[in-house]
Amino acid sequence: QLQASGGGLVRAGGSLRLSCAASARTSSSYAMAWFRQAPGKERDFVAAITRNGVGTRTADSVKGRFTISRDNAKNTVYLQMNSLKPEDTAVYYCAAGFAALDAPSTAYAYWGQGTQVTVSS
């Protein structure tokens, strides 16, 4: 139900925009979020957005650099990533569920396959 794309290799300071395409039912029914997992580390919260897109929350580590948004008409959620740093390197996953903005990953029922983001120094 979720298909993430847009990852790649970028130099530090560069930008990428991730997209997560969802089914129509998923897009309109659920809160959406992005998580990331670096090798050997736990999956961490990055950003979340409410069903209607009015409310958002981003992790302190990416605040001011990453922006989450959604277009329910296109059934797509985006993560605009600017001023990328090597420590942003990870597999990025999109998720959907009946979740509050501060919910942990276990609150999300549906997950995409992940897209690799690699930031070189």
N, C-alpha and C. Protein backbone atom coordinates (compact mmCIF):
# COMPACT_ATOMS: atom_id res chain seq x y z
N GLN A 1 0.80 -1.21 0.00
CA GLN A 1 0.00 0.00 0.00
C GLN A 1 0.84 1.27 0.00
N LEU A 2 2.10 1.18 0.42
CA LEU A 2 2.97 2.34 0.46
C LEU A 2 4.21 2.07 -0.38
N GLN A 3 4.57 3.03 -1.20
CA GLN A 3 5.73 2.90 -2.08
C GLN A 3 6.59 4.14 -1.94
N ALA A 4 7.76 3.98 -1.31
CA ALA A 4 8.67 5.10 -1.11
C ALA A 4 9.65 5.20 -2.27
N SER A 5 10.01 6.42 -2.61
CA SER A 5 10.97 6.65 -3.68
C SER A 5 11.67 7.98 -3.45
N GLY A 6 12.71 8.23 -4.25
CA GLY A 6 13.39 9.52 -4.20
C GLY A 6 14.74 9.50 -3.51
N GLY A 7 15.12 8.38 -2.94
CA GLY A 7 16.42 8.31 -2.30
C GLY A 7 17.55 8.35 -3.31
N GLY A 8 18.77 8.45 -2.79
CA GLY A 8 19.92 8.47 -3.67
C GLY A 8 21.16 8.90 -2.93
N LEU A 9 22.19 9.20 -3.71
CA LEU A 9 23.47 9.65 -3.18
C LEU A 9 23.59 11.15 -3.41
N VAL A 10 23.91 11.88 -2.36
CA VAL A 10 24.02 13.33 -2.46
C VAL A 10 25.17 13.79 -1.57
N ARG A 11 25.79 14.89 -1.94
CA ARG A 11 26.86 15.45 -1.13
C ARG A 11 26.29 16.22 0.05
N ALA A 12 27.08 16.33 1.09
CA ALA A 12 26.67 17.11 2.25
C ALA A 12 26.29 18.53 1.82
N GLY A 13 25.20 19.01 2.38
CA GLY A 13 24.69 20.31 2.01
C GLY A 13 23.65 20.28 0.91
N GLY A 14 23.51 19.14 0.27
CA GLY A 14 22.56 19.00 -0.82
C GLY A 14 21.15 18.72 -0.33
N SER A 15 20.27 18.48 -1.30
CA SER A 15 18.85 18.27 -1.01
C SER A 15 18.32 17.05 -1.74
N LEU A 16 17.31 16.45 -1.15
CA LEU A 16 16.55 15.38 -1.79
C LEU A 16 15.09 15.53 -1.37
N ARG A 17 14.20 15.04 -2.21
CA ARG A 17 12.80 14.97 -1.83
C ARG A 17 12.32 13.54 -1.95
N LEU A 18 11.90 12.99 -0.85
CA LEU A 18 11.35 11.65 -0.84
C LEU A 18 9.84 11.72 -1.06
N SER A 19 9.32 10.72 -1.74
CA SER A 19 7.89 10.60 -1.96
C SER A 19 7.40 9.26 -1.46
N CYS A 20 6.19 9.23 -0.99
CA CYS A 20 5.56 7.99 -0.55
C CYS A 20 4.17 7.94 -1.17
N ALA A 21 4.01 7.07 -2.15
CA ALA A 21 2.74 6.92 -2.82
C ALA A 21 1.89 5.90 -2.08
N ALA A 22 0.65 6.29 -1.78
CA ALA A 22 -0.24 5.42 -1.02
C ALA A 22 -1.50 5.14 -1.82
N SER A 23 -2.20 4.12 -1.40
CA SER A 23 -3.52 3.88 -1.99
C SER A 23 -4.45 5.00 -1.56
N ALA A 24 -5.53 5.18 -2.29
CA ALA A 24 -6.45 6.26 -1.98
C ALA A 24 -7.00 6.13 -0.56
N ARG A 25 -7.29 4.92 -0.15
CA ARG A 25 -7.86 4.72 1.19
C ARG A 25 -6.85 5.06 2.26
N THR A 26 -5.62 4.69 2.03
CA THR A 26 -4.56 4.96 3.01
C THR A 26 -4.31 6.45 3.13
N SER A 27 -4.26 7.11 1.98
CA SER A 27 -3.92 8.52 1.97
C SER A 27 -4.93 9.35 2.73
N SER A 28 -6.17 9.06 2.61
CA SER A 28 -7.19 9.91 3.22
C SER A 28 -7.56 9.49 4.64
N SER A 29 -7.18 8.31 5.03
CA SER A 29 -7.65 7.78 6.31
C SER A 29 -6.64 7.89 7.44
N TYR A 30 -5.36 7.96 7.12
CA TYR A 30 -4.35 7.79 8.14
C TYR A 30 -3.40 8.97 8.28
N ALA A 31 -2.88 9.10 9.48
CA ALA A 31 -1.70 9.93 9.65
C ALA A 31 -0.53 9.22 8.96
N MET A 32 0.43 10.01 8.54
CA MET A 32 1.58 9.45 7.83
C MET A 32 2.86 9.93 8.51
N ALA A 33 3.91 9.15 8.34
CA ALA A 33 5.16 9.52 8.97
C ALA A 33 6.34 8.97 8.19
N TRP A 34 7.50 9.54 8.48
CA TRP A 34 8.76 9.03 7.97
C TRP A 34 9.62 8.63 9.17
N PHE A 35 10.24 7.47 9.04
CA PHE A 35 11.22 6.99 9.99
C PHE A 35 12.50 6.67 9.21
N ARG A 36 13.60 6.54 9.92
CA ARG A 36 14.84 6.16 9.25
C ARG A 36 15.64 5.20 10.12
N GLN A 37 16.43 4.39 9.44
CA GLN A 37 17.25 3.42 10.16
C GLN A 37 18.62 3.34 9.52
N ALA A 38 19.62 3.70 10.30
CA ALA A 38 21.01 3.59 9.86
C ALA A 38 21.53 2.20 10.21
N PRO A 39 22.57 1.74 9.53
CA PRO A 39 23.12 0.41 9.81
C PRO A 39 23.51 0.25 11.28
N GLY A 40 23.03 -0.83 11.89
CA GLY A 40 23.37 -1.12 13.26
C GLY A 40 22.65 -0.29 14.30
N LYS A 41 21.69 0.52 13.86
CA LYS A 41 20.96 1.40 14.79
C LYS A 41 19.47 1.10 14.74
N GLU A 42 18.76 1.61 15.74
CA GLU A 42 17.32 1.44 15.78
C GLU A 42 16.64 2.37 14.77
N ARG A 43 15.39 2.03 14.48
CA ARG A 43 14.60 2.88 13.60
C ARG A 43 14.16 4.12 14.37
N ASP A 44 14.44 5.29 13.82
CA ASP A 44 14.17 6.54 14.50
C ASP A 44 13.08 7.34 13.79
N PHE A 45 12.32 8.06 14.56
CA PHE A 45 11.30 8.96 14.03
C PHE A 45 11.96 10.14 13.33
N VAL A 46 11.39 10.54 12.20
CA VAL A 46 11.87 11.71 11.47
C VAL A 46 10.80 12.80 11.44
N ALA A 47 9.62 12.46 10.96
CA ALA A 47 8.56 13.47 10.83
C ALA A 47 7.21 12.78 10.69
N ALA A 48 6.16 13.48 11.09
CA ALA A 48 4.81 12.96 10.97
C ALA A 48 3.86 14.07 10.57
N ILE A 49 2.72 13.66 9.99
CA ILE A 49 1.74 14.64 9.53
C ILE A 49 0.34 14.07 9.73
N THR A 50 -0.59 14.92 10.11
CA THR A 50 -1.96 14.48 10.34
C THR A 50 -2.67 14.15 9.04
N ARG A 51 -3.85 13.56 9.17
CA ARG A 51 -4.62 13.15 7.97
C ARG A 51 -4.88 14.31 7.03
N ASN A 52 -5.22 15.45 7.61
CA ASN A 52 -5.57 16.60 6.75
C ASN A 52 -4.37 17.48 6.43
N GLY A 53 -3.22 17.13 6.96
CA GLY A 53 -2.01 17.87 6.64
C GLY A 53 -1.80 19.14 7.44
N VAL A 54 -2.72 19.42 8.36
CA VAL A 54 -2.61 20.67 9.10
C VAL A 54 -1.53 20.59 10.18
N GLY A 55 -1.47 19.45 10.84
CA GLY A 55 -0.51 19.28 11.92
C GLY A 55 0.71 18.49 11.48
N THR A 56 1.90 18.96 11.90
CA THR A 56 3.12 18.23 11.60
C THR A 56 4.03 18.23 12.84
N ARG A 57 4.95 17.30 12.83
CA ARG A 57 5.96 17.23 13.89
C ARG A 57 7.23 16.68 13.27
N THR A 58 8.36 17.28 13.62
CA THR A 58 9.64 16.78 13.11
C THR A 58 10.59 16.54 14.28
N ALA A 59 11.49 15.61 14.10
CA ALA A 59 12.48 15.31 15.13
C ALA A 59 13.43 16.48 15.29
N ASP A 60 13.93 16.65 16.50
CA ASP A 60 14.86 17.75 16.76
C ASP A 60 16.09 17.68 15.87
N SER A 61 16.51 16.48 15.54
CA SER A 61 17.74 16.30 14.74
C SER A 61 17.60 16.83 13.32
N VAL A 62 16.38 16.98 12.84
CA VAL A 62 16.17 17.43 11.46
C VAL A 62 15.36 18.71 11.37
N LYS A 63 14.98 19.24 12.51
CA LYS A 63 14.14 20.44 12.53
C LYS A 63 14.86 21.59 11.85
N GLY A 64 14.11 22.29 11.00
CA GLY A 64 14.70 23.40 10.25
C GLY A 64 15.34 22.97 8.94
N ARG A 65 15.54 21.67 8.75
CA ARG A 65 16.14 21.16 7.52
C ARG A 65 15.17 20.28 6.73
N PHE A 66 14.34 19.53 7.42
CA PHE A 66 13.40 18.61 6.76
C PHE A 66 11.98 19.13 6.93
N THR A 67 11.17 18.93 5.89
CA THR A 67 9.77 19.33 5.94
C THR A 67 8.90 18.20 5.39
N ILE A 68 7.89 17.82 6.15
CA ILE A 68 6.94 16.82 5.70
C ILE A 68 5.69 17.51 5.18
N SER A 69 5.13 16.98 4.11
CA SER A 69 3.89 17.52 3.56
C SER A 69 3.13 16.38 2.89
N ARG A 70 1.89 16.65 2.55
CA ARG A 70 1.12 15.63 1.86
C ARG A 70 0.16 16.28 0.88
N ASP A 71 -0.15 15.53 -0.15
CA ASP A 71 -1.13 15.95 -1.15
C ASP A 71 -2.12 14.81 -1.26
N ASN A 72 -3.23 14.92 -0.58
CA ASN A 72 -4.20 13.83 -0.57
C ASN A 72 -4.85 13.62 -1.93
N ALA A 73 -4.89 14.65 -2.74
CA ALA A 73 -5.43 14.49 -4.10
C ALA A 73 -4.55 13.57 -4.93
N LYS A 74 -3.25 13.56 -4.61
CA LYS A 74 -2.30 12.69 -5.32
C LYS A 74 -1.94 11.46 -4.50
N ASN A 75 -2.54 11.33 -3.32
CA ASN A 75 -2.25 10.18 -2.45
C ASN A 75 -0.77 10.04 -2.17
N THR A 76 -0.12 11.15 -1.91
CA THR A 76 1.33 11.14 -1.75
C THR A 76 1.76 11.99 -0.56
N VAL A 77 2.74 11.48 0.16
CA VAL A 77 3.38 12.22 1.24
C VAL A 77 4.82 12.48 0.84
N TYR A 78 5.32 13.65 1.18
CA TYR A 78 6.66 14.05 0.80
C TYR A 78 7.52 14.33 2.02
N LEU A 79 8.82 14.17 1.83
CA LEU A 79 9.79 14.62 2.83
C LEU A 79 10.86 15.40 2.09
N GLN A 80 10.81 16.71 2.22
CA GLN A 80 11.82 17.57 1.63
C GLN A 80 12.99 17.66 2.59
N MET A 81 14.16 17.26 2.12
CA MET A 81 15.35 17.24 2.97
C MET A 81 16.39 18.20 2.41
N ASN A 82 16.69 19.21 3.17
CA ASN A 82 17.68 20.20 2.78
C ASN A 82 18.87 20.17 3.73
N SER A 83 19.96 20.78 3.30
CA SER A 83 21.17 20.86 4.14
C SER A 83 21.53 19.49 4.71
N LEU A 84 21.56 18.51 3.86
CA LEU A 84 21.80 17.14 4.31
C LEU A 84 23.19 16.98 4.89
N LYS A 85 23.28 16.11 5.90
CA LYS A 85 24.52 15.83 6.58
C LYS A 85 24.84 14.34 6.45
N PRO A 86 26.11 13.96 6.58
CA PRO A 86 26.45 12.53 6.53
C PRO A 86 25.67 11.70 7.54
N GLU A 87 25.35 12.28 8.69
CA GLU A 87 24.61 11.52 9.71
C GLU A 87 23.14 11.31 9.33
N ASP A 88 22.70 11.91 8.23
CA ASP A 88 21.35 11.63 7.74
C ASP A 88 21.30 10.35 6.90
N THR A 89 22.45 9.77 6.63
CA THR A 89 22.50 8.54 5.85
C THR A 89 21.75 7.42 6.55
N ALA A 90 20.79 6.83 5.84
CA ALA A 90 19.94 5.79 6.41
C ALA A 90 18.98 5.30 5.33
N VAL A 91 18.28 4.22 5.66
CA VAL A 91 17.13 3.82 4.87
C VAL A 91 15.92 4.54 5.46
N TYR A 92 15.18 5.22 4.60
CA TYR A 92 14.02 6.00 5.04
C TYR A 92 12.75 5.22 4.70
N TYR A 93 11.89 5.10 5.70
CA TYR A 93 10.64 4.37 5.55
C TYR A 93 9.45 5.31 5.76
N CYS A 94 8.43 5.16 4.93
CA CYS A 94 7.18 5.85 5.21
C CYS A 94 6.22 4.89 5.88
N ALA A 95 5.34 5.45 6.69
CA ALA A 95 4.42 4.64 7.46
C ALA A 95 3.07 5.33 7.55
N ALA A 96 2.02 4.54 7.75
CA ALA A 96 0.67 5.07 7.86
C ALA A 96 -0.06 4.37 8.99
N GLY A 97 -0.93 5.11 9.66
CA GLY A 97 -1.70 4.49 10.73
C GLY A 97 -2.54 5.50 11.48
N PHE A 98 -3.34 4.97 12.39
CA PHE A 98 -4.10 5.84 13.29
C PHE A 98 -3.18 6.22 14.44
N ALA A 99 -2.41 7.25 14.23
CA ALA A 99 -1.37 7.60 15.18
C ALA A 99 -1.37 9.09 15.47
N ALA A 100 -1.09 9.41 16.72
CA ALA A 100 -0.88 10.81 17.09
C ALA A 100 0.49 11.24 16.59
N LEU A 101 0.69 12.55 16.55
CA LEU A 101 1.96 13.06 16.01
C LEU A 101 3.16 12.60 16.82
N ASP A 102 2.96 12.30 18.09
CA ASP A 102 4.08 11.88 18.93
C ASP A 102 4.10 10.37 19.16
N ALA A 103 3.40 9.64 18.30
CA ALA A 103 3.31 8.20 18.48
C ALA A 103 4.60 7.49 18.08
N PRO A 104 4.91 6.38 18.73
CA PRO A 104 6.09 5.60 18.34
C PRO A 104 5.83 4.80 17.07
N SER A 105 6.86 4.17 16.56
CA SER A 105 6.73 3.42 15.31
C SER A 105 5.71 2.28 15.42
N THR A 106 5.54 1.74 16.60
CA THR A 106 4.60 0.63 16.78
C THR A 106 3.15 1.03 16.55
N ALA A 107 2.86 2.32 16.54
CA ALA A 107 1.49 2.79 16.30
C ALA A 107 1.12 2.79 14.83
N TYR A 108 2.10 2.60 13.97
CA TYR A 108 1.85 2.65 12.53
C TYR A 108 1.67 1.23 12.00
N ALA A 109 0.54 0.99 11.33
CA ALA A 109 0.21 -0.36 10.88
C ALA A 109 0.79 -0.71 9.52
N TYR A 110 1.01 0.29 8.72
CA TYR A 110 1.43 0.04 7.34
C TYR A 110 2.79 0.70 7.07
N TRP A 111 3.64 -0.04 6.34
CA TRP A 111 4.99 0.43 6.08
C TRP A 111 5.36 0.23 4.62
N GLY A 112 6.11 1.20 4.10
CA GLY A 112 6.69 1.04 2.78
C GLY A 112 7.97 0.24 2.85
N GLN A 113 8.57 0.02 1.69
CA GLN A 113 9.74 -0.85 1.60
C GLN A 113 11.05 -0.13 1.94
N GLY A 114 11.04 1.17 2.03
CA GLY A 114 12.25 1.90 2.35
C GLY A 114 12.99 2.38 1.12
N THR A 115 13.65 3.52 1.25
CA THR A 115 14.47 4.06 0.18
C THR A 115 15.79 4.55 0.81
N GLN A 116 16.90 4.22 0.17
CA GLN A 116 18.22 4.52 0.72
C GLN A 116 18.62 5.96 0.43
N VAL A 117 19.05 6.64 1.47
CA VAL A 117 19.62 7.98 1.34
C VAL A 117 21.05 7.92 1.85
N THR A 118 21.98 8.32 1.00
CA THR A 118 23.39 8.32 1.37
C THR A 118 23.95 9.72 1.15
N VAL A 119 24.52 10.28 2.21
CA VAL A 119 25.08 11.62 2.15
C VAL A 119 26.59 11.52 2.33
N SER A 120 27.31 11.95 1.33
CA SER A 120 28.77 11.89 1.38
C SER A 120 29.33 13.20 1.93
N SER A 121 30.47 13.10 2.59
CA SER A 121 31.08 14.29 3.19
C SER A 121 32.02 14.97 2.21
